[in-house]
Amino acid sequence: MGLIRRKLWLALVGMLALQVIAVHWSPAQAIFGTTDLLPGDWLLAAAASSVLLLDEARKLLLKLLRAAR
């Protein structure tokens, strides 16, 4: 199970890196028709993805609480 979760996180980080490249690298911008995002836009994207992070934090907290019993 741990290996699968590591692969999932690796895939998520890889996807984020590819998105940053598509948004900020000029040749990729020409291919995908994207433009640079402003800091406020990145903040909005981070807030939207925080659902995943908060859910993972909740799972970790529950796991730690169960282990403490």
N, C-alpha and C. Protein backbone atom coordinates (compact mmCIF):
# COMPACT_ATOMS: atom_id res chain seq x y z
N MET A 1 0.82 -1.19 0.00
CA MET A 1 0.00 0.00 0.00
C MET A 1 0.87 1.26 0.00
N GLY A 2 1.97 1.24 0.77
CA GLY A 2 2.83 2.41 0.85
C GLY A 2 3.46 2.75 -0.49
N LEU A 3 3.84 1.73 -1.26
CA LEU A 3 4.44 1.96 -2.57
C LEU A 3 3.44 2.64 -3.51
N ILE A 4 2.20 2.21 -3.45
CA ILE A 4 1.17 2.80 -4.31
C ILE A 4 0.98 4.27 -3.96
N ARG A 5 0.96 4.59 -2.67
CA ARG A 5 0.78 5.98 -2.24
C ARG A 5 1.97 6.83 -2.68
N ARG A 6 3.20 6.26 -2.58
CA ARG A 6 4.38 7.00 -3.03
C ARG A 6 4.30 7.28 -4.52
N LYS A 7 3.85 6.29 -5.28
CA LYS A 7 3.71 6.49 -6.73
C LYS A 7 2.65 7.54 -7.03
N LEU A 8 1.58 7.55 -6.26
CA LEU A 8 0.54 8.56 -6.45
C LEU A 8 1.10 9.95 -6.20
N TRP A 9 1.83 10.14 -5.10
CA TRP A 9 2.41 11.45 -4.81
C TRP A 9 3.43 11.84 -5.86
N LEU A 10 4.23 10.89 -6.34
CA LEU A 10 5.19 11.17 -7.40
C LEU A 10 4.47 11.62 -8.66
N ALA A 11 3.37 10.96 -8.99
CA ALA A 11 2.58 11.34 -10.17
C ALA A 11 1.99 12.73 -10.00
N LEU A 12 1.52 13.06 -8.80
CA LEU A 12 0.96 14.39 -8.56
C LEU A 12 2.02 15.48 -8.69
N VAL A 13 3.20 15.23 -8.15
CA VAL A 13 4.29 16.21 -8.26
C VAL A 13 4.72 16.36 -9.72
N GLY A 14 4.79 15.25 -10.43
CA GLY A 14 5.14 15.30 -11.85
C GLY A 14 4.12 16.08 -12.65
N MET A 15 2.85 15.87 -12.36
CA MET A 15 1.78 16.59 -13.06
C MET A 15 1.86 18.09 -12.77
N LEU A 16 2.12 18.45 -11.52
CA LEU A 16 2.26 19.86 -11.17
C LEU A 16 3.42 20.49 -11.93
N ALA A 17 4.55 19.77 -12.01
CA ALA A 17 5.71 20.28 -12.73
C ALA A 17 5.38 20.50 -14.21
N LEU A 18 4.67 19.55 -14.81
CA LEU A 18 4.28 19.70 -16.21
C LEU A 18 3.32 20.87 -16.41
N GLN A 19 2.44 21.10 -15.45
CA GLN A 19 1.52 22.24 -15.56
C GLN A 19 2.27 23.56 -15.48
N VAL A 20 3.24 23.63 -14.58
CA VAL A 20 4.04 24.86 -14.46
C VAL A 20 4.81 25.10 -15.76
N ILE A 21 5.36 24.04 -16.33
CA ILE A 21 6.08 24.18 -17.60
C ILE A 21 5.14 24.67 -18.70
N ALA A 22 3.95 24.08 -18.80
CA ALA A 22 2.99 24.47 -19.83
C ALA A 22 2.54 25.91 -19.68
N VAL A 23 2.54 26.42 -18.45
CA VAL A 23 2.05 27.77 -18.19
C VAL A 23 3.16 28.81 -18.32
N HIS A 24 4.40 28.47 -17.97
CA HIS A 24 5.44 29.49 -17.89
C HIS A 24 6.58 29.36 -18.89
N TRP A 25 6.68 28.27 -19.63
CA TRP A 25 7.76 28.10 -20.59
C TRP A 25 7.26 28.50 -21.97
N SER A 26 7.90 29.47 -22.60
CA SER A 26 7.42 30.05 -23.85
C SER A 26 7.11 29.03 -24.94
N PRO A 27 7.99 28.06 -25.24
CA PRO A 27 7.63 27.08 -26.28
C PRO A 27 6.36 26.28 -25.93
N ALA A 28 6.20 25.92 -24.67
CA ALA A 28 4.99 25.19 -24.27
C ALA A 28 3.77 26.09 -24.35
N GLN A 29 3.95 27.37 -24.04
CA GLN A 29 2.83 28.32 -24.15
C GLN A 29 2.34 28.40 -25.59
N ALA A 30 3.27 28.38 -26.53
CA ALA A 30 2.89 28.44 -27.95
C ALA A 30 2.14 27.18 -28.36
N ILE A 31 2.56 26.04 -27.86
CA ILE A 31 1.91 24.78 -28.22
C ILE A 31 0.51 24.67 -27.61
N PHE A 32 0.40 25.00 -26.32
CA PHE A 32 -0.86 24.80 -25.60
C PHE A 32 -1.75 26.04 -25.56
N GLY A 33 -1.24 27.17 -26.03
CA GLY A 33 -2.04 28.40 -26.02
C GLY A 33 -2.28 28.93 -24.62
N THR A 34 -1.29 28.80 -23.75
CA THR A 34 -1.43 29.28 -22.38
C THR A 34 -0.69 30.60 -22.19
N THR A 35 -0.96 31.27 -21.09
CA THR A 35 -0.25 32.49 -20.71
C THR A 35 0.20 32.36 -19.27
N ASP A 36 1.14 33.22 -18.88
CA ASP A 36 1.63 33.19 -17.50
C ASP A 36 0.48 33.45 -16.53
N LEU A 37 0.54 32.75 -15.39
CA LEU A 37 -0.43 33.00 -14.33
C LEU A 37 0.15 34.01 -13.36
N LEU A 38 -0.70 34.86 -12.85
CA LEU A 38 -0.31 35.80 -11.82
C LEU A 38 -0.29 35.10 -10.47
N PRO A 39 0.41 35.67 -9.47
CA PRO A 39 0.44 35.03 -8.15
C PRO A 39 -0.96 34.77 -7.58
N GLY A 40 -1.90 35.66 -7.81
CA GLY A 40 -3.27 35.45 -7.33
C GLY A 40 -3.92 34.23 -7.97
N ASP A 41 -3.59 33.99 -9.24
CA ASP A 41 -4.12 32.81 -9.93
C ASP A 41 -3.56 31.53 -9.32
N TRP A 42 -2.27 31.54 -9.01
CA TRP A 42 -1.65 30.38 -8.38
C TRP A 42 -2.24 30.15 -6.99
N LEU A 43 -2.53 31.25 -6.29
CA LEU A 43 -3.13 31.13 -4.96
C LEU A 43 -4.51 30.47 -5.05
N LEU A 44 -5.28 30.88 -6.05
CA LEU A 44 -6.60 30.27 -6.26
C LEU A 44 -6.47 28.78 -6.58
N ALA A 45 -5.51 28.43 -7.41
CA ALA A 45 -5.29 27.02 -7.74
C ALA A 45 -4.86 26.23 -6.50
N ALA A 46 -4.01 26.84 -5.67
CA ALA A 46 -3.57 26.16 -4.44
C ALA A 46 -4.74 25.96 -3.49
N ALA A 47 -5.60 26.95 -3.39
CA ALA A 47 -6.77 26.82 -2.52
C ALA A 47 -7.69 25.71 -3.01
N ALA A 48 -7.85 25.60 -4.32
CA ALA A 48 -8.70 24.56 -4.87
C ALA A 48 -8.12 23.17 -4.63
N SER A 49 -6.80 23.05 -4.71
CA SER A 49 -6.19 21.74 -4.50
C SER A 49 -5.98 21.42 -3.02
N SER A 50 -6.24 22.38 -2.15
CA SER A 50 -6.05 22.13 -0.72
C SER A 50 -7.02 21.06 -0.21
N VAL A 51 -8.08 20.80 -0.93
CA VAL A 51 -9.02 19.75 -0.52
C VAL A 51 -8.29 18.42 -0.42
N LEU A 52 -7.46 18.11 -1.41
CA LEU A 52 -6.69 16.87 -1.39
C LEU A 52 -5.74 16.85 -0.19
N LEU A 53 -5.02 17.94 0.02
CA LEU A 53 -4.06 17.99 1.12
C LEU A 53 -4.75 17.88 2.48
N LEU A 54 -5.86 18.55 2.63
CA LEU A 54 -6.59 18.48 3.90
C LEU A 54 -7.14 17.07 4.16
N ASP A 55 -7.61 16.42 3.12
CA ASP A 55 -8.11 15.06 3.28
C ASP A 55 -6.98 14.10 3.66
N GLU A 56 -5.82 14.26 3.05
CA GLU A 56 -4.67 13.42 3.39
C GLU A 56 -4.22 13.69 4.82
N ALA A 57 -4.26 14.94 5.26
CA ALA A 57 -3.90 15.28 6.64
C ALA A 57 -4.90 14.65 7.62
N ARG A 58 -6.17 14.66 7.25
CA ARG A 58 -7.20 14.03 8.09
C ARG A 58 -6.96 12.54 8.23
N LYS A 59 -6.63 11.88 7.12
CA LYS A 59 -6.36 10.44 7.16
C LYS A 59 -5.14 10.14 8.04
N LEU A 60 -4.10 10.95 7.91
CA LEU A 60 -2.91 10.76 8.72
C LEU A 60 -3.22 10.94 10.20
N LEU A 61 -3.99 11.95 10.53
CA LEU A 61 -4.36 12.20 11.92
C LEU A 61 -5.16 11.03 12.49
N LEU A 62 -6.12 10.52 11.73
CA LEU A 62 -6.90 9.36 12.19
C LEU A 62 -6.02 8.13 12.38
N LYS A 63 -5.08 7.93 11.47
CA LYS A 63 -4.17 6.80 11.59
C LYS A 63 -3.31 6.92 12.85
N LEU A 64 -2.82 8.13 13.12
CA LEU A 64 -2.01 8.35 14.32
C LEU A 64 -2.81 8.16 15.60
N LEU A 65 -4.06 8.61 15.56
CA LEU A 65 -4.91 8.47 16.74
C LEU A 65 -5.23 7.00 17.00
N ARG A 66 -5.47 6.23 15.96
CA ARG A 66 -5.74 4.80 16.12
C ARG A 66 -4.52 4.07 16.66
N ALA A 67 -3.35 4.46 16.19
CA ALA A 67 -2.11 3.82 16.63
C ALA A 67 -1.81 4.14 18.08
N ALA A 68 -2.25 5.29 18.57
CA ALA A 68 -1.99 5.70 19.95
C ALA A 68 -2.85 4.94 20.94
N ARG A 69 -3.92 4.34 20.48
CA ARG A 69 -4.85 3.61 21.39
C ARG A 69 -4.31 2.32 21.82
